[in-house]
Amino acid sequence: MSGGYFDHEQFRIEEIASRIDWLVESNDTPDSYGFVRSYPSDVIEKFKQTSSILRMGAKMACRIDWLASGDDGVESFRKRWVEEKL
Protein backbone atom coordinates (compact mmCIF):
# COMPACT_ATOMS: atom_id res chain seq x y z
CA MET A 1 0.00 0.00 0.00
CA SER A 2 1.46 3.30 -0.98
CA GLY A 3 -1.23 5.89 -1.55
CA GLY A 4 -0.30 8.70 -3.87
CA TYR A 5 -3.51 10.69 -4.13
CA PHE A 6 -1.79 13.61 -2.40
CA ASP A 7 1.54 12.87 -4.13
CA HIS A 8 2.88 11.83 -0.71
CA GLU A 9 2.92 15.47 0.39
CA GLN A 10 1.64 14.47 3.84
CA PHE A 11 5.24 13.55 4.62
CA ARG A 12 6.12 17.23 4.36
CA ILE A 13 3.79 17.82 7.30
CA GLU A 14 5.81 15.27 9.28
CA GLU A 15 9.02 17.06 8.27
CA ILE A 16 7.66 20.36 9.61
CA ALA A 17 6.80 18.63 12.90
CA SER A 18 10.35 17.27 13.09
CA ARG A 19 11.81 20.72 12.50
CA ILE A 20 9.62 22.14 15.27
CA ASP A 21 10.87 19.35 17.56
CA TRP A 22 14.42 20.42 16.72
CA LEU A 23 13.59 23.99 17.72
CA VAL A 24 12.33 22.68 21.06
CA GLU A 25 15.38 20.47 21.60
CA SER A 26 17.87 23.16 20.64
CA ASN A 27 16.21 25.99 22.57
CA ASP A 28 18.81 28.04 24.47
CA THR A 29 21.65 26.18 22.73
CA PRO A 30 24.10 28.11 20.56
CA ASP A 31 24.34 26.95 16.96
CA SER A 32 27.63 26.66 15.07
CA TYR A 33 27.63 30.44 14.53
CA GLY A 34 26.95 31.22 18.17
CA PHE A 35 23.34 32.24 17.50
CA VAL A 36 20.99 31.27 20.29
CA ARG A 37 17.25 30.87 19.90
CA SER A 38 15.73 31.47 23.27
CA TYR A 39 12.00 30.94 23.41
CA PRO A 40 10.11 31.20 26.70
CA SER A 41 8.54 28.07 28.19
CA ASP A 42 4.99 29.02 27.17
CA VAL A 43 6.12 29.34 23.55
CA ILE A 44 7.99 26.02 23.74
CA GLU A 45 4.77 24.44 24.99
CA LYS A 46 2.92 25.81 21.94
CA PHE A 47 5.67 24.36 19.71
CA LYS A 48 5.17 20.95 21.33
CA GLN A 49 1.40 21.15 20.90
CA THR A 50 1.78 22.17 17.27
CA SER A 51 4.19 19.33 16.55
CA SER A 52 1.73 16.84 18.00
CA ILE A 53 -1.18 18.29 16.02
CA LEU A 54 0.83 18.26 12.79
CA ARG A 55 1.80 14.61 13.30
CA MET A 56 -1.85 13.74 13.86
CA GLY A 57 -2.77 15.68 10.71
CA ALA A 58 -0.12 13.83 8.71
CA LYS A 59 -1.53 10.49 9.88
CA MET A 60 -5.07 11.61 9.05
CA ALA A 61 -3.96 12.74 5.59
CA CYS A 62 -2.24 9.38 5.06
CA ARG A 63 -5.42 7.47 5.91
CA ILE A 64 -7.44 9.61 3.49
CA ASP A 65 -4.69 9.27 0.88
CA TRP A 66 -4.84 5.47 1.03
CA LEU A 67 -8.63 5.50 0.81
CA ALA A 68 -8.72 7.95 -2.11
CA SER A 69 -5.97 5.98 -3.89
CA GLY A 70 -7.90 2.74 -3.60
CA ASP A 71 -5.32 1.11 -1.32
CA ASP A 72 -7.88 0.92 1.50
CA GLY A 73 -11.62 0.42 1.37
CA VAL A 74 -14.08 2.27 3.55
CA GLU A 75 -14.08 -0.44 6.22
CA SER A 76 -10.28 -0.57 6.34
CA PHE A 77 -10.24 3.22 6.56
CA ARG A 78 -12.62 3.15 9.51
CA LYS A 79 -10.69 0.37 11.25
CA ARG A 80 -7.30 2.05 10.83
CA TRP A 81 -8.74 5.40 11.95
CA VAL A 82 -9.85 3.82 15.23
CA GLU A 83 -6.67 1.74 15.67
CA GLU A 84 -4.47 4.79 15.17
CA LYS A 85 -6.68 6.85 17.51
CA LEU A 86 -7.31 9.55 14.94
PDB file of N, CA and C in Angstrom:
ATOM      1  N   MET A   1       0.841  -1.175   0.000  1.00  0.00           N
ATOM      2  CA  MET A   1       0.000   0.000   0.000  1.00  0.00           C
ATOM      3  C   MET A   1       0.881   1.232   0.000  1.00  0.00           C
ATOM      4  N   SER A   2       0.569   2.146  -0.891  1.00  0.00           N
ATOM      5  CA  SER A   2       1.457   3.297  -0.983  1.00  0.00           C
ATOM      6  C   SER A   2       0.733   4.625  -1.114  1.00  0.00           C
ATOM      7  N   GLY A   3      -0.530   4.617  -1.380  1.00  0.00           N
ATOM      8  CA  GLY A   3      -1.229   5.890  -1.554  1.00  0.00           C
ATOM      9  C   GLY A   3      -0.772   6.605  -2.805  1.00  0.00           C
ATOM     10  N   GLY A   4      -0.754   7.900  -2.738  1.00  0.00           N
ATOM     11  CA  GLY A   4      -0.303   8.700  -3.866  1.00  0.00           C
ATOM     12  C   GLY A   4      -1.297   9.762  -4.293  1.00  0.00           C
ATOM     13  N   TYR A   5      -2.500   9.705  -3.748  1.00  0.00           N
ATOM     14  CA  TYR A   5      -3.511  10.688  -4.134  1.00  0.00           C
ATOM     15  C   TYR A   5      -3.033  12.113  -3.856  1.00  0.00           C
ATOM     16  N   PHE A   6      -2.326  12.295  -2.750  1.00  0.00           N
ATOM     17  CA  PHE A   6      -1.785  13.611  -2.398  1.00  0.00           C
ATOM     18  C   PHE A   6      -0.309  13.737  -2.794  1.00  0.00           C
ATOM     19  N   ASP A   7       0.139  12.879  -3.698  1.00  0.00           N
ATOM     20  CA  ASP A   7       1.536  12.874  -4.132  1.00  0.00           C
ATOM     21  C   ASP A   7       2.502  12.771  -2.950  1.00  0.00           C
ATOM     22  N   HIS A   8       2.066  12.081  -1.903  1.00  0.00           N
ATOM     23  CA  HIS A   8       2.884  11.828  -0.712  1.00  0.00           C
ATOM     24  C   HIS A   8       3.297  13.108   0.011  1.00  0.00           C
ATOM     25  N   GLU A   9       2.601  14.194  -0.243  1.00  0.00           N
ATOM     26  CA  GLU A   9       2.920  15.470   0.388  1.00  0.00           C
ATOM     27  C   GLU A   9       2.669  15.471   1.893  1.00  0.00           C
ATOM     28  N   GLN A  10       1.881  14.521   2.401  1.00  0.00           N
ATOM     29  CA  GLN A  10       1.644  14.471   3.841  1.00  0.00           C
ATOM     30  C   GLN A  10       2.944  14.270   4.614  1.00  0.00           C
ATOM     31  N   PHE A  11       3.957  13.730   3.959  1.00  0.00           N
ATOM     32  CA  PHE A  11       5.239  13.545   4.620  1.00  0.00           C
ATOM     33  C   PHE A  11       5.944  14.874   4.867  1.00  0.00           C
ATOM     34  N   ARG A  12       5.586  15.889   4.104  1.00  0.00           N
ATOM     35  CA  ARG A  12       6.125  17.232   4.358  1.00  0.00           C
ATOM     36  C   ARG A  12       5.585  17.773   5.680  1.00  0.00           C
ATOM     37  N   ILE A  13       4.362  17.410   6.021  1.00  0.00           N
ATOM     38  CA  ILE A  13       3.791  17.818   7.302  1.00  0.00           C
ATOM     39  C   ILE A  13       4.615  17.209   8.435  1.00  0.00           C
ATOM     40  N   GLU A  14       4.969  15.945   8.287  1.00  0.00           N
ATOM     41  CA  GLU A  14       5.813  15.266   9.284  1.00  0.00           C
ATOM     42  C   GLU A  14       7.171  15.952   9.391  1.00  0.00           C
ATOM     43  N   GLU A  15       7.726  16.376   8.261  1.00  0.00           N
ATOM     44  CA  GLU A  15       9.021  17.064   8.266  1.00  0.00           C
ATOM     45  C   GLU A  15       8.928  18.381   9.032  1.00  0.00           C
ATOM     46  N   ILE A  16       7.847  19.116   8.859  1.00  0.00           N
ATOM     47  CA  ILE A  16       7.660  20.361   9.609  1.00  0.00           C
ATOM     48  C   ILE A  16       7.612  20.056  11.102  1.00  0.00           C
ATOM     49  N   ALA A  17       6.877  19.016  11.490  1.00  0.00           N
ATOM     50  CA  ALA A  17       6.798  18.632  12.902  1.00  0.00           C
ATOM     51  C   ALA A  17       8.187  18.305  13.443  1.00  0.00           C
ATOM     52  N   SER A  18       8.987  17.613  12.668  1.00  0.00           N
ATOM     53  CA  SER A  18      10.346  17.273  13.094  1.00  0.00           C
ATOM     54  C   SER A  18      11.207  18.517  13.273  1.00  0.00           C
ATOM     55  N   ARG A  19      11.035  19.479  12.391  1.00  0.00           N
ATOM     56  CA  ARG A  19      11.809  20.719  12.503  1.00  0.00           C
ATOM     57  C   ARG A  19      11.379  21.524  13.723  1.00  0.00           C
ATOM     58  N   ILE A  20      10.093  21.487  14.046  1.00  0.00           N
ATOM     59  CA  ILE A  20       9.624  22.138  15.268  1.00  0.00           C
ATOM     60  C   ILE A  20      10.216  21.436  16.486  1.00  0.00           C
ATOM     61  N   ASP A  21      10.248  20.108  16.460  1.00  0.00           N
ATOM     62  CA  ASP A  21      10.867  19.352  17.557  1.00  0.00           C
ATOM     63  C   ASP A  21      12.321  19.773  17.752  1.00  0.00           C
ATOM     64  N   TRP A  22      13.024  19.980  16.642  1.00  0.00           N
ATOM     65  CA  TRP A  22      14.420  20.416  16.724  1.00  0.00           C
ATOM     66  C   TRP A  22      14.519  21.783  17.395  1.00  0.00           C
ATOM     67  N   LEU A  23      13.577  22.675  17.072  1.00  0.00           N
ATOM     68  CA  LEU A  23      13.588  23.988  17.724  1.00  0.00           C
ATOM     69  C   LEU A  23      13.406  23.847  19.236  1.00  0.00           C
ATOM     70  N   VAL A  24      12.541  22.926  19.631  1.00  0.00           N
ATOM     71  CA  VAL A  24      12.326  22.681  21.060  1.00  0.00           C
ATOM     72  C   VAL A  24      13.614  22.128  21.691  1.00  0.00           C
ATOM     73  N   GLU A  25      14.188  21.129  21.051  1.00  0.00           N
ATOM     74  CA  GLU A  25      15.377  20.471  21.604  1.00  0.00           C
ATOM     75  C   GLU A  25      16.593  21.394  21.655  1.00  0.00           C
ATOM     76  N   SER A  26      16.685  22.290  20.707  1.00  0.00           N
ATOM     77  CA  SER A  26      17.867  23.160  20.639  1.00  0.00           C
ATOM     78  C   SER A  26      17.629  24.526  21.280  1.00  0.00           C
ATOM     79  N   ASN A  27      16.496  24.715  21.918  1.00  0.00           N
ATOM     80  CA  ASN A  27      16.214  25.989  22.565  1.00  0.00           C
ATOM     81  C   ASN A  27      17.310  26.311  23.583  1.00  0.00           C
ATOM     82  N   ASP A  28      17.768  27.549  23.574  1.00  0.00           N
ATOM     83  CA  ASP A  28      18.814  28.045  24.475  1.00  0.00           C
ATOM     84  C   ASP A  28      20.182  27.433  24.216  1.00  0.00           C
ATOM     85  N   THR A  29      20.364  26.792  23.070  1.00  0.00           N
ATOM     86  CA  THR A  29      21.647  26.181  22.732  1.00  0.00           C
ATOM     87  C   THR A  29      22.253  26.928  21.546  1.00  0.00           C
ATOM     88  N   PRO A  30      23.488  27.402  21.681  1.00  0.00           N
ATOM     89  CA  PRO A  30      24.096  28.108  20.557  1.00  0.00           C
ATOM     90  C   PRO A  30      24.306  27.193  19.356  1.00  0.00           C
ATOM     91  N   ASP A  31      24.053  27.725  18.164  1.00  0.00           N
ATOM     92  CA  ASP A  31      24.338  26.955  16.956  1.00  0.00           C
ATOM     93  C   ASP A  31      25.816  27.132  16.603  1.00  0.00           C
ATOM     94  N   SER A  32      26.218  26.616  15.452  1.00  0.00           N
ATOM     95  CA  SER A  32      27.631  26.658  15.070  1.00  0.00           C
ATOM     96  C   SER A  32      28.145  28.083  14.846  1.00  0.00           C
ATOM     97  N   TYR A  33      27.244  29.046  14.709  1.00  0.00           N
ATOM     98  CA  TYR A  33      27.631  30.443  14.533  1.00  0.00           C
ATOM     99  C   TYR A  33      27.517  31.234  15.835  1.00  0.00           C
ATOM    100  N   GLY A  34      27.107  30.558  16.895  1.00  0.00           N
ATOM    101  CA  GLY A  34      26.945  31.220  18.174  1.00  0.00           C
ATOM    102  C   GLY A  34      25.572  31.844  18.379  1.00  0.00           C
ATOM    103  N   PHE A  35      24.697  31.702  17.384  1.00  0.00           N
ATOM    104  CA  PHE A  35      23.340  32.239  17.497  1.00  0.00           C
ATOM    105  C   PHE A  35      22.515  31.360  18.427  1.00  0.00           C
ATOM    106  N   VAL A  36      21.799  32.009  19.331  1.00  0.00           N
ATOM    107  CA  VAL A  36      20.989  31.272  20.293  1.00  0.00           C
ATOM    108  C   VAL A  36      19.523  31.661  20.116  1.00  0.00           C
ATOM    109  N   ARG A  37      18.700  30.652  19.876  1.00  0.00           N
ATOM    110  CA  ARG A  37      17.249  30.871  19.898  1.00  0.00           C
ATOM    111  C   ARG A  37      16.815  30.627  21.332  1.00  0.00           C
ATOM    112  N   SER A  38      16.152  31.593  21.890  1.00  0.00           N
ATOM    113  CA  SER A  38      15.734  31.469  23.274  1.00  0.00           C
ATOM    114  C   SER A  38      14.247  31.795  23.377  1.00  0.00           C
ATOM    115  N   TYR A  39      13.440  30.760  23.317  1.00  0.00           N
ATOM    116  CA  TYR A  39      11.997  30.936  23.407  1.00  0.00           C
ATOM    117  C   TYR A  39      11.546  30.646  24.840  1.00  0.00           C
ATOM    118  N   PRO A  40      10.607  31.454  25.345  1.00  0.00           N
ATOM    119  CA  PRO A  40      10.109  31.196  26.702  1.00  0.00           C
ATOM    120  C   PRO A  40       9.332  29.882  26.775  1.00  0.00           C
ATOM    121  N   SER A  41       9.162  29.378  27.988  1.00  0.00           N
ATOM    122  CA  SER A  41       8.543  28.066  28.186  1.00  0.00           C
ATOM    123  C   SER A  41       7.119  27.985  27.639  1.00  0.00           C
ATOM    124  N   ASP A  42       6.357  29.074  27.708  1.00  0.00           N
ATOM    125  CA  ASP A  42       4.993  29.022  27.171  1.00  0.00           C
ATOM    126  C   ASP A  42       4.994  28.871  25.651  1.00  0.00           C
ATOM    127  N   VAL A  43       5.988  29.466  25.011  1.00  0.00           N
ATOM    128  CA  VAL A  43       6.119  29.338  23.554  1.00  0.00           C
ATOM    129  C   VAL A  43       6.581  27.933  23.200  1.00  0.00           C
ATOM    130  N   ILE A  44       7.525  27.400  23.955  1.00  0.00           N
ATOM    131  CA  ILE A  44       7.989  26.024  23.737  1.00  0.00           C
ATOM    132  C   ILE A  44       6.825  25.059  23.871  1.00  0.00           C
ATOM    133  N   GLU A  45       5.946  25.293  24.818  1.00  0.00           N
ATOM    134  CA  GLU A  45       4.769  24.436  24.988  1.00  0.00           C
ATOM    135  C   GLU A  45       3.877  24.496  23.751  1.00  0.00           C
ATOM    136  N   LYS A  46       3.708  25.672  23.173  1.00  0.00           N
ATOM    137  CA  LYS A  46       2.919  25.806  21.938  1.00  0.00           C
ATOM    138  C   LYS A  46       3.601  25.057  20.793  1.00  0.00           C
ATOM    139  N   PHE A  47       4.925  25.120  20.729  1.00  0.00           N
ATOM    140  CA  PHE A  47       5.666  24.364  19.712  1.00  0.00           C
ATOM    141  C   PHE A  47       5.365  22.873  19.846  1.00  0.00           C
ATOM    142  N   LYS A  48       5.424  22.372  21.083  1.00  0.00           N
ATOM    143  CA  LYS A  48       5.172  20.949  21.328  1.00  0.00           C
ATOM    144  C   LYS A  48       3.746  20.571  20.933  1.00  0.00           C
ATOM    145  N   GLN A  49       2.789  21.412  21.270  1.00  0.00           N
ATOM    146  CA  GLN A  49       1.397  21.154  20.902  1.00  0.00           C
ATOM    147  C   GLN A  49       1.239  21.135  19.382  1.00  0.00           C
ATOM    148  N   THR A  50       1.872  22.083  18.729  1.00  0.00           N
ATOM    149  CA  THR A  50       1.784  22.171  17.274  1.00  0.00           C
ATOM    150  C   THR A  50       2.397  20.951  16.610  1.00  0.00           C
ATOM    151  N   SER A  51       3.548  20.520  17.092  1.00  0.00           N
ATOM    152  CA  SER A  51       4.194  19.331  16.551  1.00  0.00           C
ATOM    153  C   SER A  51       3.278  18.118  16.651  1.00  0.00           C
ATOM    154  N   SER A  52       2.648  17.965  17.791  1.00  0.00           N
ATOM    155  CA  SER A  52       1.727  16.843  18.003  1.00  0.00           C
ATOM    156  C   SER A  52       0.529  16.923  17.057  1.00  0.00           C
ATOM    157  N   ILE A  53      -0.033  18.094  16.920  1.00  0.00           N
ATOM    158  CA  ILE A  53      -1.184  18.292  16.024  1.00  0.00           C
ATOM    159  C   ILE A  53      -0.791  18.018  14.578  1.00  0.00           C
ATOM    160  N   LEU A  54       0.370  18.498  14.169  1.00  0.00           N
ATOM    161  CA  LEU A  54       0.831  18.259  12.793  1.00  0.00           C
ATOM    162  C   LEU A  54       1.028  16.770  12.526  1.00  0.00           C
ATOM    163  N   ARG A  55       1.610  16.056  13.487  1.00  0.00           N
ATOM    164  CA  ARG A  55       1.802  14.609  13.302  1.00  0.00           C
ATOM    165  C   ARG A  55       0.461  13.901  13.166  1.00  0.00           C
ATOM    166  N   MET A  56      -0.506  14.314  13.962  1.00  0.00           N
ATOM    167  CA  MET A  56      -1.847  13.743  13.858  1.00  0.00           C
ATOM    168  C   MET A  56      -2.437  14.060  12.481  1.00  0.00           C
ATOM    169  N   GLY A  57      -2.272  15.297  12.032  1.00  0.00           N
ATOM    170  CA  GLY A  57      -2.772  15.684  10.714  1.00  0.00           C
ATOM    171  C   GLY A  57      -2.124  14.885   9.590  1.00  0.00           C
ATOM    172  N   ALA A  58      -0.821  14.630   9.727  1.00  0.00           N
ATOM    173  CA  ALA A  58      -0.124  13.831   8.709  1.00  0.00           C
ATOM    174  C   ALA A  58      -0.681  12.413   8.661  1.00  0.00           C
ATOM    175  N   LYS A  59      -0.952  11.840   9.837  1.00  0.00           N
ATOM    176  CA  LYS A  59      -1.531  10.495   9.881  1.00  0.00           C
ATOM    177  C   LYS A  59      -2.935  10.491   9.272  1.00  0.00           C
ATOM    178  N   MET A  60      -3.707  11.521   9.586  1.00  0.00           N
ATOM    179  CA  MET A  60      -5.067  11.610   9.048  1.00  0.00           C
ATOM    180  C   MET A  60      -5.023  11.730   7.517  1.00  0.00           C
ATOM    181  N   ALA A  61      -4.113  12.570   7.035  1.00  0.00           N
ATOM    182  CA  ALA A  61      -3.964  12.737   5.588  1.00  0.00           C
ATOM    183  C   ALA A  61      -3.546  11.430   4.930  1.00  0.00           C
ATOM    184  N   CYS A  62      -2.676  10.672   5.595  1.00  0.00           N
ATOM    185  CA  CYS A  62      -2.241   9.378   5.061  1.00  0.00           C
ATOM    186  C   CYS A  62      -3.414   8.413   4.944  1.00  0.00           C
ATOM    187  N   ARG A  63      -4.243   8.355   5.949  1.00  0.00           N
ATOM    188  CA  ARG A  63      -5.419   7.468   5.914  1.00  0.00           C
ATOM    189  C   ARG A  63      -6.328   7.849   4.742  1.00  0.00           C
ATOM    190  N   ILE A  64      -6.581   9.146   4.588  1.00  0.00           N
ATOM    191  CA  ILE A  64      -7.436   9.612   3.487  1.00  0.00           C
ATOM    192  C   ILE A  64      -6.765   9.332   2.152  1.00  0.00           C
ATOM    193  N   ASP A  65      -5.452   9.533   2.092  1.00  0.00           N
ATOM    194  CA  ASP A  65      -4.688   9.267   0.875  1.00  0.00           C
ATOM    195  C   ASP A  65      -4.847   7.814   0.441  1.00  0.00           C
ATOM    196  N   TRP A  66      -4.713   6.893   1.376  1.00  0.00           N
ATOM    197  CA  TRP A  66      -4.845   5.470   1.032  1.00  0.00           C
ATOM    198  C   TRP A  66      -6.254   5.134   0.577  1.00  0.00           C
ATOM    199  N   LEU A  67      -7.242   5.748   1.217  1.00  0.00           N
ATOM    200  CA  LEU A  67      -8.625   5.504   0.809  1.00  0.00           C
ATOM    201  C   LEU A  67      -8.870   6.070  -0.597  1.00  0.00           C
ATOM    202  N   ALA A  68      -8.480   7.305  -0.816  1.00  0.00           N
ATOM    203  CA  ALA A  68      -8.716   7.952  -2.111  1.00  0.00           C
ATOM    204  C   ALA A  68      -7.923   7.289  -3.234  1.00  0.00           C
ATOM    205  N   SER A  69      -6.794   6.664  -2.895  1.00  0.00           N
ATOM    206  CA  SER A  69      -5.968   5.982  -3.894  1.00  0.00           C
ATOM    207  C   SER A  69      -6.439   4.569  -4.180  1.00  0.00           C
ATOM    208  N   GLY A  70      -7.396   4.094  -3.397  1.00  0.00           N
ATOM    209  CA  GLY A  70      -7.900   2.744  -3.602  1.00  0.00           C
ATOM    210  C   GLY A  70      -7.093   1.676  -2.895  1.00  0.00           C
ATOM    211  N   ASP A  71      -6.118   2.086  -2.067  1.00  0.00           N
ATOM    212  CA  ASP A  71      -5.324   1.108  -1.323  1.00  0.00           C
ATOM    213  C   ASP A  71      -6.089   0.552  -0.128  1.00  0.00           C
ATOM    214  N   ASP A  72      -7.002   1.333   0.411  1.00  0.00           N
ATOM    215  CA  ASP A  72      -7.877   0.917   1.498  1.00  0.00           C
ATOM    216  C   ASP A  72      -9.315   1.090   1.048  1.00  0.00           C
ATOM    217  N   GLY A  73     -10.186   0.232   1.545  1.00  0.00           N
ATOM    218  CA  GLY A  73     -11.618   0.416   1.367  1.00  0.00           C
ATOM    219  C   GLY A  73     -12.179   1.203   2.542  1.00  0.00           C
ATOM    220  N   VAL A  74     -13.444   1.490   2.491  1.00  0.00           N
ATOM    221  CA  VAL A  74     -14.080   2.267   3.547  1.00  0.00           C
ATOM    222  C   VAL A  74     -13.951   1.576   4.911  1.00  0.00           C
ATOM    223  N   GLU A  75     -14.177   0.271   4.939  1.00  0.00           N
ATOM    224  CA  GLU A  75     -14.085  -0.435   6.222  1.00  0.00           C
ATOM    225  C   GLU A  75     -12.661  -0.441   6.765  1.00  0.00           C
ATOM    226  N   SER A  76     -11.680  -0.635   5.900  1.00  0.00           N
ATOM    227  CA  SER A  76     -10.278  -0.569   6.340  1.00  0.00           C
ATOM    228  C   SER A  76      -9.944   0.821   6.847  1.00  0.00           C
ATOM    229  N   PHE A  77     -10.437   1.834   6.141  1.00  0.00           N
ATOM    230  CA  PHE A  77     -10.242   3.222   6.557  1.00  0.00           C
ATOM    231  C   PHE A  77     -10.777   3.429   7.974  1.00  0.00           C
ATOM    232  N   ARG A  78     -12.009   2.995   8.193  1.00  0.00           N
ATOM    233  CA  ARG A  78     -12.624   3.153   9.513  1.00  0.00           C
ATOM    234  C   ARG A  78     -11.831   2.414  10.592  1.00  0.00           C
ATOM    235  N   LYS A  79     -11.426   1.189  10.283  1.00  0.00           N
ATOM    236  CA  LYS A  79     -10.687   0.369  11.246  1.00  0.00           C
ATOM    237  C   LYS A  79      -9.346   1.015  11.597  1.00  0.00           C
ATOM    238  N   ARG A  80      -8.605   1.430  10.581  1.00  0.00           N
ATOM    239  CA  ARG A  80      -7.302   2.047  10.826  1.00  0.00           C
ATOM    240  C   ARG A  80      -7.450   3.365  11.584  1.00  0.00           C
ATOM    241  N   TRP A  81      -8.497   4.113  11.275  1.00  0.00           N
ATOM    242  CA  TRP A  81      -8.737   5.399  11.946  1.00  0.00           C
ATOM    243  C   TRP A  81      -8.867   5.170  13.452  1.00  0.00           C
ATOM    244  N   VAL A  82      -9.636   4.139  13.819  1.00  0.00           N
ATOM    245  CA  VAL A  82      -9.847   3.816  15.230  1.00  0.00           C
ATOM    246  C   VAL A  82      -8.554   3.272  15.845  1.00  0.00           C
ATOM    247  N   GLU A  83      -7.902   2.342  15.150  1.00  0.00           N
ATOM    248  CA  GLU A  83      -6.673   1.739  15.669  1.00  0.00           C
ATOM    249  C   GLU A  83      -5.590   2.780  15.918  1.00  0.00           C
ATOM    250  N   GLU A  84      -5.514   3.763  15.041  1.00  0.00           N
ATOM    251  CA  GLU A  84      -4.473   4.792  15.172  1.00  0.00           C
ATOM    252  C   GLU A  84      -4.915   5.966  16.036  1.00  0.00           C
ATOM    253  N   LYS A  85      -6.132   5.831  16.602  1.00  0.00           N
ATOM    254  CA  LYS A  85      -6.680   6.851  17.506  1.00  0.00           C
ATOM    255  C   LYS A  85      -6.697   8.233  16.870  1.00  0.00           C
ATOM    256  N   LEU A  86      -7.211   8.270  15.647  1.00  0.00           N
ATOM    257  CA  LEU A  86      -7.314   9.547  14.942  1.00  0.00           C
ATOM    258  C   LEU A  86      -8.638  10.222  15.228  1.00  0.00           C
TER     259      LEU A  86
END
